[in-house]
């Protein structure tokens, strides 16, 4: 039961960091499409996915997407939240599924590569459905943007977030695991006042 509380607290912290990063780090990659902004919000979600598994990563994605849609990305309304849930959700399910079964550096790299590809592929139909149907963009315009803009943007964003996640994961995981171990030690041998 106490581990469940620790997990919930850790996930809440990761969700908070994700929202903070989206607020602080946002910039367009392609001048021709300034509405496509890079952000680091997926990094804490991926760290949570590697720590706790793909289902926890999906829960984090849903929570962060809903909060982002109501705060930082309010202009994207529910459409942005749904697209983020499907895009990042496909990333964490693929990457988390692979890494949760085989926890090695090679599998981490493979999981992040395949997760990046899954997210990029997921964004093709999502843009053709949501951007056309709900945002009113002509289908021909979206189709024309796929190869030069939308696909490269999602590959760059996913690759950058994968590299950052791979670079910081071990350190972050070590810190979080040390906190868990320290808590266990305190419970096993409590200190009494003199």
N, C-alpha and C. Protein backbone atom coordinates (compact mmCIF):
# COMPACT_ATOMS: atom_id res chain seq x y z
N UNK A 1 0.82 -1.20 0.00
CA UNK A 1 0.00 0.00 0.00
C UNK A 1 0.86 1.26 0.00
N UNK A 2 1.95 1.25 0.81
CA UNK A 2 2.80 2.43 0.89
C UNK A 2 3.53 2.66 -0.42
N UNK A 3 3.88 1.57 -1.14
CA UNK A 3 4.53 1.71 -2.44
C UNK A 3 3.57 2.34 -3.44
N UNK A 4 2.26 2.03 -3.33
CA UNK A 4 1.28 2.63 -4.23
C UNK A 4 1.21 4.13 -4.02
N UNK A 5 1.29 4.56 -2.78
CA UNK A 5 1.29 6.00 -2.48
C UNK A 5 2.55 6.64 -3.06
N UNK A 6 3.70 5.99 -2.88
CA UNK A 6 4.96 6.52 -3.42
C UNK A 6 4.88 6.63 -4.94
N UNK A 7 4.31 5.62 -5.57
CA UNK A 7 4.17 5.63 -7.03
C UNK A 7 3.25 6.77 -7.46
N UNK A 8 2.14 6.95 -6.76
CA UNK A 8 1.21 8.02 -7.10
C UNK A 8 1.86 9.39 -6.93
N UNK A 9 2.62 9.57 -5.87
CA UNK A 9 3.30 10.84 -5.62
C UNK A 9 4.34 11.09 -6.72
N UNK A 10 5.10 10.05 -7.07
CA UNK A 10 6.11 10.18 -8.12
C UNK A 10 5.45 10.52 -9.46
N UNK A 11 4.34 9.85 -9.78
CA UNK A 11 3.64 10.13 -11.03
C UNK A 11 3.07 11.54 -11.04
N UNK A 12 2.56 12.00 -9.91
CA UNK A 12 2.04 13.38 -9.83
C UNK A 12 3.17 14.38 -10.04
N UNK A 13 4.34 14.08 -9.47
CA UNK A 13 5.50 14.95 -9.66
C UNK A 13 5.92 14.98 -11.12
N UNK A 14 5.96 13.81 -11.77
CA UNK A 14 6.33 13.74 -13.18
C UNK A 14 5.32 14.48 -14.06
N UNK A 15 4.04 14.37 -13.73
CA UNK A 15 3.01 15.09 -14.48
C UNK A 15 3.21 16.60 -14.33
N UNK A 16 3.52 17.04 -13.12
CA UNK A 16 3.76 18.47 -12.87
C UNK A 16 4.96 18.98 -13.66
N UNK A 17 6.03 18.19 -13.67
CA UNK A 17 7.24 18.58 -14.42
C UNK A 17 6.93 18.63 -15.92
N UNK A 18 6.12 17.68 -16.39
CA UNK A 18 5.74 17.65 -17.80
C UNK A 18 5.02 18.94 -18.20
N UNK A 19 4.06 19.36 -17.38
CA UNK A 19 3.31 20.58 -17.67
C UNK A 19 4.21 21.81 -17.59
N UNK A 20 5.08 21.83 -16.59
CA UNK A 20 6.02 22.94 -16.45
C UNK A 20 6.95 23.04 -17.66
N UNK A 21 7.46 21.89 -18.13
CA UNK A 21 8.34 21.88 -19.30
C UNK A 21 7.60 22.37 -20.54
N UNK A 22 6.34 21.98 -20.68
CA UNK A 22 5.59 22.44 -21.84
C UNK A 22 5.41 23.96 -21.80
N UNK A 23 5.24 24.48 -20.61
CA UNK A 23 5.09 25.93 -20.44
C UNK A 23 6.40 26.66 -20.73
N UNK A 24 7.53 26.09 -20.28
CA UNK A 24 8.82 26.78 -20.38
C UNK A 24 9.54 26.56 -21.72
N UNK A 25 9.41 25.35 -22.29
CA UNK A 25 10.16 25.02 -23.49
C UNK A 25 9.19 24.73 -24.64
N UNK A 26 8.93 25.76 -25.43
CA UNK A 26 8.05 25.62 -26.60
C UNK A 26 8.56 26.53 -27.70
N UNK A 27 8.86 25.93 -28.84
CA UNK A 27 9.27 26.75 -29.97
C UNK A 27 9.01 25.99 -31.27
N UNK A 28 8.71 26.74 -32.34
CA UNK A 28 8.47 26.09 -33.64
C UNK A 28 9.77 25.58 -34.24
N UNK A 29 9.70 24.49 -34.96
CA UNK A 29 10.88 23.93 -35.64
C UNK A 29 10.91 24.41 -37.09
N UNK A 30 9.75 24.44 -37.73
CA UNK A 30 9.65 24.86 -39.12
C UNK A 30 8.97 26.23 -39.21
N UNK A 31 9.65 27.24 -39.75
CA UNK A 31 9.04 28.56 -39.87
C UNK A 31 7.74 28.55 -40.68
N UNK A 32 7.65 27.63 -41.64
CA UNK A 32 6.45 27.56 -42.48
C UNK A 32 5.24 27.03 -41.70
N UNK A 33 5.49 26.38 -40.57
CA UNK A 33 4.40 25.83 -39.76
C UNK A 33 4.64 26.18 -38.29
N UNK A 34 4.47 27.46 -37.92
CA UNK A 34 4.76 27.88 -36.54
C UNK A 34 3.83 27.27 -35.49
N UNK A 35 2.70 26.73 -35.93
CA UNK A 35 1.76 26.09 -35.00
C UNK A 35 2.27 24.73 -34.53
N UNK A 36 3.26 24.16 -35.22
CA UNK A 36 3.87 22.90 -34.78
C UNK A 36 5.06 23.25 -33.89
N UNK A 37 4.85 23.18 -32.59
CA UNK A 37 5.87 23.59 -31.64
C UNK A 37 6.49 22.38 -30.93
N UNK A 38 7.82 22.41 -30.85
CA UNK A 38 8.51 21.39 -30.07
C UNK A 38 8.33 21.70 -28.59
N UNK A 39 8.10 20.67 -27.80
CA UNK A 39 8.09 20.83 -26.34
C UNK A 39 8.66 19.54 -25.73
N UNK A 40 9.08 19.65 -24.47
CA UNK A 40 9.71 18.52 -23.78
C UNK A 40 8.74 17.79 -22.85
N UNK A 41 7.45 18.02 -23.01
CA UNK A 41 6.46 17.45 -22.09
C UNK A 41 6.49 15.92 -22.04
N UNK A 42 6.92 15.29 -23.13
CA UNK A 42 6.92 13.82 -23.16
C UNK A 42 8.07 13.20 -22.37
N UNK A 43 9.10 13.97 -22.05
CA UNK A 43 10.27 13.41 -21.34
C UNK A 43 9.88 12.84 -19.97
N UNK A 44 9.21 13.62 -19.09
CA UNK A 44 8.80 13.04 -17.80
C UNK A 44 7.81 11.88 -17.96
N UNK A 45 6.98 11.94 -19.00
CA UNK A 45 6.04 10.85 -19.25
C UNK A 45 6.80 9.58 -19.61
N UNK A 46 7.83 9.72 -20.45
CA UNK A 46 8.63 8.55 -20.83
C UNK A 46 9.41 8.01 -19.63
N UNK A 47 9.90 8.90 -18.78
CA UNK A 47 10.60 8.45 -17.57
C UNK A 47 9.64 7.65 -16.69
N UNK A 48 8.43 8.15 -16.51
CA UNK A 48 7.41 7.43 -15.75
C UNK A 48 7.07 6.09 -16.38
N UNK A 49 7.05 6.06 -17.71
CA UNK A 49 6.77 4.81 -18.44
C UNK A 49 7.86 3.79 -18.17
N UNK A 50 9.13 4.22 -18.24
CA UNK A 50 10.24 3.30 -18.00
C UNK A 50 10.28 2.84 -16.54
N UNK A 51 9.90 3.72 -15.62
CA UNK A 51 9.90 3.36 -14.20
C UNK A 51 8.78 2.39 -13.84
N UNK A 52 7.57 2.69 -14.34
CA UNK A 52 6.37 1.98 -13.85
C UNK A 52 5.65 1.15 -14.89
N UNK A 53 6.04 1.21 -16.16
CA UNK A 53 5.41 0.41 -17.19
C UNK A 53 4.50 1.19 -18.11
N UNK A 54 4.07 0.55 -19.21
CA UNK A 54 3.30 1.24 -20.24
C UNK A 54 1.93 1.73 -19.79
N UNK A 55 1.26 0.99 -18.93
CA UNK A 55 -0.07 1.42 -18.47
C UNK A 55 0.04 2.70 -17.65
N UNK A 56 1.04 2.76 -16.77
CA UNK A 56 1.27 3.98 -15.99
C UNK A 56 1.65 5.14 -16.91
N UNK A 57 2.43 4.85 -17.95
CA UNK A 57 2.77 5.88 -18.93
C UNK A 57 1.55 6.42 -19.64
N UNK A 58 0.61 5.53 -19.95
CA UNK A 58 -0.63 5.96 -20.61
C UNK A 58 -1.48 6.80 -19.66
N UNK A 59 -1.55 6.39 -18.40
CA UNK A 59 -2.29 7.18 -17.39
C UNK A 59 -1.67 8.57 -17.27
N UNK A 60 -0.35 8.64 -17.19
CA UNK A 60 0.35 9.93 -17.14
C UNK A 60 0.01 10.78 -18.36
N UNK A 61 0.02 10.15 -19.53
CA UNK A 61 -0.29 10.85 -20.78
C UNK A 61 -1.67 11.46 -20.75
N UNK A 62 -2.65 10.70 -20.30
CA UNK A 62 -4.04 11.18 -20.25
C UNK A 62 -4.17 12.34 -19.28
N UNK A 63 -3.59 12.19 -18.09
CA UNK A 63 -3.67 13.25 -17.07
C UNK A 63 -3.01 14.53 -17.58
N UNK A 64 -1.79 14.40 -18.10
CA UNK A 64 -1.06 15.57 -18.59
C UNK A 64 -1.79 16.22 -19.76
N UNK A 65 -2.32 15.42 -20.67
CA UNK A 65 -3.03 15.96 -21.84
C UNK A 65 -4.25 16.77 -21.43
N UNK A 66 -4.99 16.27 -20.47
CA UNK A 66 -6.20 16.97 -20.01
C UNK A 66 -5.82 18.28 -19.32
N UNK A 67 -4.82 18.23 -18.45
CA UNK A 67 -4.39 19.46 -17.75
C UNK A 67 -3.82 20.47 -18.75
N UNK A 68 -3.02 20.00 -19.70
CA UNK A 68 -2.47 20.90 -20.72
C UNK A 68 -3.58 21.56 -21.53
N UNK A 69 -4.59 20.79 -21.88
CA UNK A 69 -5.69 21.33 -22.69
C UNK A 69 -6.47 22.40 -21.94
N UNK A 70 -6.48 22.32 -20.61
CA UNK A 70 -7.21 23.31 -19.81
C UNK A 70 -6.34 24.50 -19.41
N UNK A 71 -5.01 24.37 -19.58
CA UNK A 71 -4.13 25.45 -19.11
C UNK A 71 -3.21 25.95 -20.22
N UNK A 72 -2.06 25.33 -20.36
CA UNK A 72 -1.01 25.79 -21.26
C UNK A 72 -1.45 25.82 -22.72
N UNK A 73 -2.20 24.81 -23.15
CA UNK A 73 -2.63 24.70 -24.55
C UNK A 73 -4.14 24.84 -24.68
N UNK A 74 -4.71 25.75 -23.95
CA UNK A 74 -6.16 25.92 -23.96
C UNK A 74 -6.70 26.23 -25.36
N UNK A 75 -5.89 26.87 -26.19
CA UNK A 75 -6.34 27.23 -27.55
C UNK A 75 -6.55 25.99 -28.43
N UNK A 76 -5.90 24.88 -28.08
CA UNK A 76 -6.06 23.66 -28.90
C UNK A 76 -7.30 22.86 -28.51
N UNK A 77 -7.98 23.27 -27.46
CA UNK A 77 -9.23 22.65 -26.98
C UNK A 77 -9.09 21.14 -26.80
N UNK A 78 -10.21 20.46 -26.85
CA UNK A 78 -10.22 19.01 -26.63
C UNK A 78 -9.53 18.27 -27.77
N UNK A 79 -9.46 18.90 -28.94
CA UNK A 79 -8.83 18.26 -30.09
C UNK A 79 -7.35 18.03 -29.83
N UNK A 80 -6.69 19.05 -29.29
CA UNK A 80 -5.27 18.91 -28.95
C UNK A 80 -5.05 17.84 -27.91
N UNK A 81 -5.95 17.77 -26.92
CA UNK A 81 -5.81 16.74 -25.87
C UNK A 81 -5.95 15.34 -26.46
N UNK A 82 -6.95 15.15 -27.32
CA UNK A 82 -7.16 13.82 -27.92
C UNK A 82 -5.98 13.43 -28.79
N UNK A 83 -5.49 14.39 -29.59
CA UNK A 83 -4.35 14.09 -30.47
C UNK A 83 -3.10 13.77 -29.63
N UNK A 84 -2.91 14.51 -28.53
CA UNK A 84 -1.76 14.25 -27.66
C UNK A 84 -1.88 12.88 -26.99
N UNK A 85 -3.08 12.54 -26.55
CA UNK A 85 -3.29 11.23 -25.91
C UNK A 85 -2.95 10.11 -26.89
N UNK A 86 -3.44 10.22 -28.14
CA UNK A 86 -3.17 9.16 -29.12
C UNK A 86 -1.70 9.14 -29.54
N UNK A 87 -1.11 10.31 -29.76
CA UNK A 87 0.28 10.37 -30.22
C UNK A 87 1.24 9.87 -29.15
N UNK A 88 1.21 10.52 -27.98
CA UNK A 88 2.12 10.13 -26.90
C UNK A 88 1.73 8.76 -26.36
N UNK A 89 0.42 8.47 -26.36
CA UNK A 89 -0.04 7.16 -25.91
C UNK A 89 0.55 6.03 -26.74
N UNK A 90 0.59 6.21 -28.07
CA UNK A 90 1.19 5.17 -28.91
C UNK A 90 2.68 5.04 -28.63
N UNK A 91 3.33 6.18 -28.38
CA UNK A 91 4.77 6.18 -28.04
C UNK A 91 5.01 5.38 -26.76
N UNK A 92 4.28 5.70 -25.69
CA UNK A 92 4.55 5.06 -24.40
C UNK A 92 4.14 3.58 -24.39
N UNK A 93 3.09 3.24 -25.12
CA UNK A 93 2.68 1.83 -25.14
C UNK A 93 3.72 0.97 -25.85
N UNK A 94 4.25 1.48 -26.97
CA UNK A 94 5.27 0.72 -27.69
C UNK A 94 6.59 0.72 -26.91
N UNK A 95 7.08 1.91 -26.55
CA UNK A 95 8.37 1.99 -25.85
C UNK A 95 8.31 1.30 -24.49
N UNK A 96 7.25 1.56 -23.74
CA UNK A 96 7.11 0.96 -22.42
C UNK A 96 6.94 -0.54 -22.47
N UNK A 97 6.19 -1.01 -23.46
CA UNK A 97 5.97 -2.45 -23.62
C UNK A 97 7.27 -3.20 -23.86
N UNK A 98 8.11 -2.64 -24.71
CA UNK A 98 9.39 -3.28 -25.02
C UNK A 98 10.33 -3.20 -23.81
N UNK A 99 10.49 -2.01 -23.26
CA UNK A 99 11.46 -1.83 -22.16
C UNK A 99 11.03 -2.57 -20.89
N UNK A 100 9.74 -2.68 -20.67
CA UNK A 100 9.26 -3.35 -19.46
C UNK A 100 9.56 -4.86 -19.49
N UNK A 101 9.67 -5.43 -20.72
CA UNK A 101 9.97 -6.86 -20.84
C UNK A 101 11.47 -7.12 -20.76
N UNK A 102 12.27 -6.24 -21.39
CA UNK A 102 13.73 -6.43 -21.42
C UNK A 102 14.37 -5.10 -21.02
N UNK A 103 14.89 -5.04 -19.80
CA UNK A 103 15.44 -3.78 -19.28
C UNK A 103 16.94 -3.72 -19.46
N UNK A 104 17.34 -3.43 -20.71
CA UNK A 104 18.76 -3.25 -21.02
C UNK A 104 18.90 -1.93 -21.78
N UNK A 105 20.16 -1.48 -21.92
CA UNK A 105 20.41 -0.25 -22.69
C UNK A 105 19.97 -0.42 -24.14
N UNK A 106 20.26 -1.60 -24.72
CA UNK A 106 19.88 -1.85 -26.12
C UNK A 106 18.37 -1.82 -26.29
N UNK A 107 17.67 -2.45 -25.36
CA UNK A 107 16.21 -2.47 -25.49
C UNK A 107 15.63 -1.07 -25.25
N UNK A 108 16.29 -0.28 -24.41
CA UNK A 108 15.84 1.11 -24.19
C UNK A 108 15.96 1.90 -25.49
N UNK A 109 17.10 1.75 -26.17
CA UNK A 109 17.30 2.44 -27.45
C UNK A 109 16.29 1.97 -28.48
N UNK A 110 16.13 0.65 -28.58
CA UNK A 110 15.17 0.08 -29.54
C UNK A 110 13.75 0.54 -29.23
N UNK A 111 13.39 0.53 -27.96
CA UNK A 111 12.03 0.92 -27.57
C UNK A 111 11.75 2.37 -27.90
N UNK A 112 12.76 3.25 -27.70
CA UNK A 112 12.58 4.67 -28.01
C UNK A 112 12.50 4.91 -29.51
N UNK A 113 13.28 4.15 -30.29
CA UNK A 113 13.21 4.28 -31.76
C UNK A 113 11.84 3.83 -32.26
N UNK A 114 11.40 2.65 -31.81
CA UNK A 114 10.11 2.13 -32.27
C UNK A 114 8.95 2.97 -31.75
N UNK A 115 9.08 3.49 -30.53
CA UNK A 115 8.06 4.38 -29.99
C UNK A 115 7.96 5.67 -30.78
N UNK A 116 9.10 6.21 -31.19
CA UNK A 116 9.13 7.42 -32.02
C UNK A 116 8.45 7.18 -33.36
N UNK A 117 8.74 6.03 -33.95
CA UNK A 117 8.10 5.68 -35.23
C UNK A 117 6.59 5.49 -35.06
N UNK A 118 6.19 4.85 -33.96
CA UNK A 118 4.75 4.65 -33.70
C UNK A 118 4.03 5.99 -33.56
N UNK A 119 4.65 6.92 -32.83
CA UNK A 119 4.04 8.24 -32.66
C UNK A 119 3.94 8.97 -34.00
N UNK A 120 5.00 8.92 -34.78
CA UNK A 120 5.01 9.60 -36.08
C UNK A 120 3.94 9.02 -37.00
N UNK A 121 3.84 7.71 -37.03
CA UNK A 121 2.82 7.06 -37.87
C UNK A 121 1.41 7.36 -37.38
N UNK A 122 1.23 7.42 -36.06
CA UNK A 122 -0.09 7.72 -35.50
C UNK A 122 -0.55 9.12 -35.87
N UNK A 123 0.40 10.05 -35.99
CA UNK A 123 0.03 11.44 -36.28
C UNK A 123 -0.44 11.65 -37.71
N UNK A 124 -0.15 10.71 -38.61
CA UNK A 124 -0.62 10.86 -40.00
C UNK A 124 -2.14 10.78 -40.07
N UNK A 125 -2.76 9.68 -39.63
CA UNK A 125 -4.24 9.66 -39.68
C UNK A 125 -4.87 10.66 -38.72
N UNK A 126 -4.22 10.92 -37.58
CA UNK A 126 -4.79 11.89 -36.63
C UNK A 126 -4.90 13.28 -37.27
N UNK A 127 -3.87 13.68 -38.00
CA UNK A 127 -3.93 14.98 -38.68
C UNK A 127 -4.96 14.96 -39.80
N UNK A 128 -5.03 13.86 -40.52
CA UNK A 128 -6.00 13.78 -41.62
C UNK A 128 -7.44 13.77 -41.11
N UNK A 129 -7.65 13.24 -39.91
CA UNK A 129 -9.01 13.20 -39.36
C UNK A 129 -9.32 14.47 -38.58
N UNK A 130 -8.53 14.75 -37.54
CA UNK A 130 -8.86 15.85 -36.63
C UNK A 130 -8.60 17.24 -37.22
N UNK A 131 -7.47 17.40 -37.89
CA UNK A 131 -7.15 18.72 -38.45
C UNK A 131 -8.12 19.07 -39.57
N UNK A 132 -8.51 18.08 -40.34
CA UNK A 132 -9.45 18.32 -41.45
C UNK A 132 -10.88 18.47 -40.92
N UNK A 133 -11.33 17.52 -40.14
CA UNK A 133 -12.74 17.50 -39.74
C UNK A 133 -13.09 18.55 -38.69
N UNK A 134 -12.22 18.71 -37.68
CA UNK A 134 -12.58 19.57 -36.56
C UNK A 134 -11.91 20.95 -36.60
N UNK A 135 -10.77 21.06 -37.26
CA UNK A 135 -10.11 22.36 -37.33
C UNK A 135 -10.35 23.06 -38.66
N UNK A 136 -11.00 22.36 -39.59
CA UNK A 136 -11.42 22.99 -40.84
C UNK A 136 -10.34 23.18 -41.88
N UNK A 137 -9.19 22.54 -41.70
CA UNK A 137 -8.13 22.65 -42.72
C UNK A 137 -8.51 21.78 -43.92
N UNK A 138 -8.31 22.29 -45.14
CA UNK A 138 -8.61 21.46 -46.32
C UNK A 138 -7.73 20.21 -46.34
N UNK A 139 -8.32 19.10 -46.71
CA UNK A 139 -7.61 17.82 -46.74
C UNK A 139 -6.36 17.90 -47.64
N UNK A 140 -6.49 18.60 -48.77
CA UNK A 140 -5.37 18.72 -49.71
C UNK A 140 -4.19 19.44 -49.06
N UNK A 141 -4.49 20.44 -48.22
CA UNK A 141 -3.43 21.19 -47.54
C UNK A 141 -2.70 20.29 -46.54
N UNK A 142 -3.48 19.51 -45.77
CA UNK A 142 -2.88 18.60 -44.79
C UNK A 142 -2.05 17.54 -45.50
N UNK A 143 -2.59 16.97 -46.58
CA UNK A 143 -1.84 15.97 -47.35
C UNK A 143 -0.54 16.55 -47.88
N UNK A 144 -0.60 17.80 -48.36
CA UNK A 144 0.59 18.44 -48.91
C UNK A 144 1.63 18.73 -47.82
N UNK A 145 1.20 18.87 -46.57
CA UNK A 145 2.12 19.15 -45.46
C UNK A 145 2.73 17.90 -44.83
N UNK A 146 2.17 16.73 -45.13
CA UNK A 146 2.63 15.51 -44.46
C UNK A 146 4.13 15.27 -44.62
N UNK A 147 4.60 15.14 -45.85
CA UNK A 147 6.01 14.80 -46.07
C UNK A 147 6.98 15.93 -45.75
N UNK A 148 6.71 17.16 -46.16
CA UNK A 148 7.71 18.18 -45.87
C UNK A 148 7.69 18.72 -44.44
N UNK A 149 6.56 18.56 -43.73
CA UNK A 149 6.46 19.23 -42.44
C UNK A 149 6.01 18.32 -41.29
N UNK A 150 4.83 17.72 -41.41
CA UNK A 150 4.22 16.99 -40.28
C UNK A 150 5.05 15.77 -39.88
N UNK A 151 5.43 14.94 -40.85
CA UNK A 151 6.20 13.74 -40.53
C UNK A 151 7.59 14.10 -39.99
N UNK A 152 8.35 15.00 -40.66
CA UNK A 152 9.65 15.38 -40.08
C UNK A 152 9.53 16.01 -38.70
N UNK A 153 8.51 16.85 -38.49
CA UNK A 153 8.33 17.47 -37.17
C UNK A 153 8.16 16.42 -36.09
N UNK A 154 7.30 15.44 -36.33
CA UNK A 154 7.06 14.41 -35.32
C UNK A 154 8.27 13.53 -35.11
N UNK A 155 9.02 13.25 -36.18
CA UNK A 155 10.26 12.47 -36.03
C UNK A 155 11.29 13.25 -35.20
N UNK A 156 11.44 14.54 -35.50
CA UNK A 156 12.41 15.37 -34.76
C UNK A 156 12.01 15.48 -33.30
N UNK A 157 10.74 15.77 -33.05
CA UNK A 157 10.25 15.92 -31.67
C UNK A 157 10.44 14.63 -30.88
N UNK A 158 10.01 13.51 -31.47
CA UNK A 158 10.13 12.22 -30.78
C UNK A 158 11.59 11.84 -30.56
N UNK A 159 12.44 12.09 -31.57
CA UNK A 159 13.86 11.75 -31.45
C UNK A 159 14.53 12.60 -30.38
N UNK A 160 14.24 13.90 -30.35
CA UNK A 160 14.84 14.78 -29.35
C UNK A 160 14.41 14.37 -27.94
N UNK A 161 13.13 14.09 -27.76
CA UNK A 161 12.65 13.67 -26.44
C UNK A 161 13.19 12.29 -26.05
N UNK A 162 13.41 11.44 -27.03
CA UNK A 162 14.01 10.12 -26.77
C UNK A 162 15.45 10.27 -26.30
N UNK A 163 16.21 11.13 -26.98
CA UNK A 163 17.62 11.34 -26.61
C UNK A 163 17.72 11.92 -25.20
N UNK A 164 16.86 12.90 -24.91
CA UNK A 164 16.88 13.50 -23.57
C UNK A 164 16.49 12.46 -22.52
N UNK A 165 15.45 11.68 -22.79
CA UNK A 165 15.01 10.64 -21.85
C UNK A 165 16.13 9.63 -21.61
N UNK A 166 16.75 9.16 -22.68
CA UNK A 166 17.83 8.18 -22.56
C UNK A 166 18.99 8.76 -21.74
N UNK A 167 19.27 10.05 -21.94
CA UNK A 167 20.39 10.70 -21.25
C UNK A 167 20.16 10.88 -19.75
N UNK A 168 18.92 11.16 -19.37
CA UNK A 168 18.66 11.49 -17.95
C UNK A 168 18.00 10.35 -17.17
N UNK A 169 17.51 9.34 -17.85
CA UNK A 169 16.70 8.32 -17.16
C UNK A 169 17.43 7.65 -16.00
N UNK A 170 18.64 7.17 -16.24
CA UNK A 170 19.36 6.43 -15.19
C UNK A 170 19.55 7.28 -13.94
N UNK A 171 19.92 8.54 -14.14
CA UNK A 171 20.14 9.42 -12.99
C UNK A 171 18.84 9.67 -12.24
N UNK A 172 17.79 9.99 -12.97
CA UNK A 172 16.49 10.26 -12.33
C UNK A 172 15.98 8.99 -11.64
N UNK A 173 16.08 7.85 -12.31
CA UNK A 173 15.61 6.59 -11.72
C UNK A 173 16.40 6.25 -10.45
N UNK A 174 17.72 6.50 -10.49
CA UNK A 174 18.56 6.23 -9.32
C UNK A 174 18.12 7.08 -8.13
N UNK A 175 17.87 8.36 -8.38
CA UNK A 175 17.43 9.27 -7.31
C UNK A 175 16.09 8.81 -6.74
N UNK A 176 15.16 8.47 -7.61
CA UNK A 176 13.84 8.04 -7.14
C UNK A 176 13.91 6.71 -6.40
N UNK A 177 14.75 5.80 -6.88
CA UNK A 177 14.90 4.51 -6.20
C UNK A 177 15.59 4.66 -4.86
N UNK A 178 16.56 5.57 -4.77
CA UNK A 178 17.22 5.82 -3.49
C UNK A 178 16.22 6.36 -2.47
N UNK A 179 15.33 7.21 -2.91
CA UNK A 179 14.31 7.74 -2.01
C UNK A 179 13.40 6.62 -1.51
N UNK A 180 13.05 5.71 -2.41
CA UNK A 180 12.21 4.57 -2.02
C UNK A 180 12.95 3.69 -1.03
N UNK A 181 14.24 3.39 -1.33
CA UNK A 181 15.05 2.54 -0.44
C UNK A 181 15.23 3.20 0.93
N UNK A 182 15.47 4.52 0.93
CA UNK A 182 15.65 5.24 2.18
C UNK A 182 14.37 5.18 3.02
N UNK A 183 13.25 5.30 2.38
CA UNK A 183 11.96 5.23 3.09
C UNK A 183 11.76 3.84 3.70
N UNK A 184 12.14 2.80 2.94
CA UNK A 184 12.01 1.43 3.45
C UNK A 184 12.91 1.23 4.68
N UNK A 185 14.14 1.75 4.61
CA UNK A 185 15.07 1.62 5.73
C UNK A 185 14.54 2.33 6.97
N UNK A 186 13.96 3.50 6.79
CA UNK A 186 13.38 4.23 7.93
C UNK A 186 12.23 3.47 8.56
N UNK A 187 11.44 2.80 7.72
CA UNK A 187 10.32 2.01 8.26
C UNK A 187 10.82 0.76 8.96
N UNK A 188 11.92 0.15 8.44
CA UNK A 188 12.46 -1.07 9.03
C UNK A 188 13.14 -0.81 10.37
N UNK A 189 13.86 0.31 10.46
CA UNK A 189 14.53 0.65 11.72
C UNK A 189 14.25 2.10 12.10
N UNK A 190 13.10 2.33 12.70
CA UNK A 190 12.74 3.71 13.03
C UNK A 190 13.65 4.29 14.11
N UNK A 191 13.84 5.59 14.03
CA UNK A 191 14.65 6.27 15.05
C UNK A 191 13.70 6.83 16.10
N UNK A 192 14.11 6.70 17.36
CA UNK A 192 13.28 7.15 18.46
C UNK A 192 13.89 8.41 19.07
N UNK A 193 13.08 9.31 19.55
CA UNK A 193 13.63 10.52 20.19
C UNK A 193 14.39 10.15 21.46
N UNK A 194 15.45 10.90 21.71
CA UNK A 194 16.29 10.63 22.89
C UNK A 194 15.57 11.01 24.15
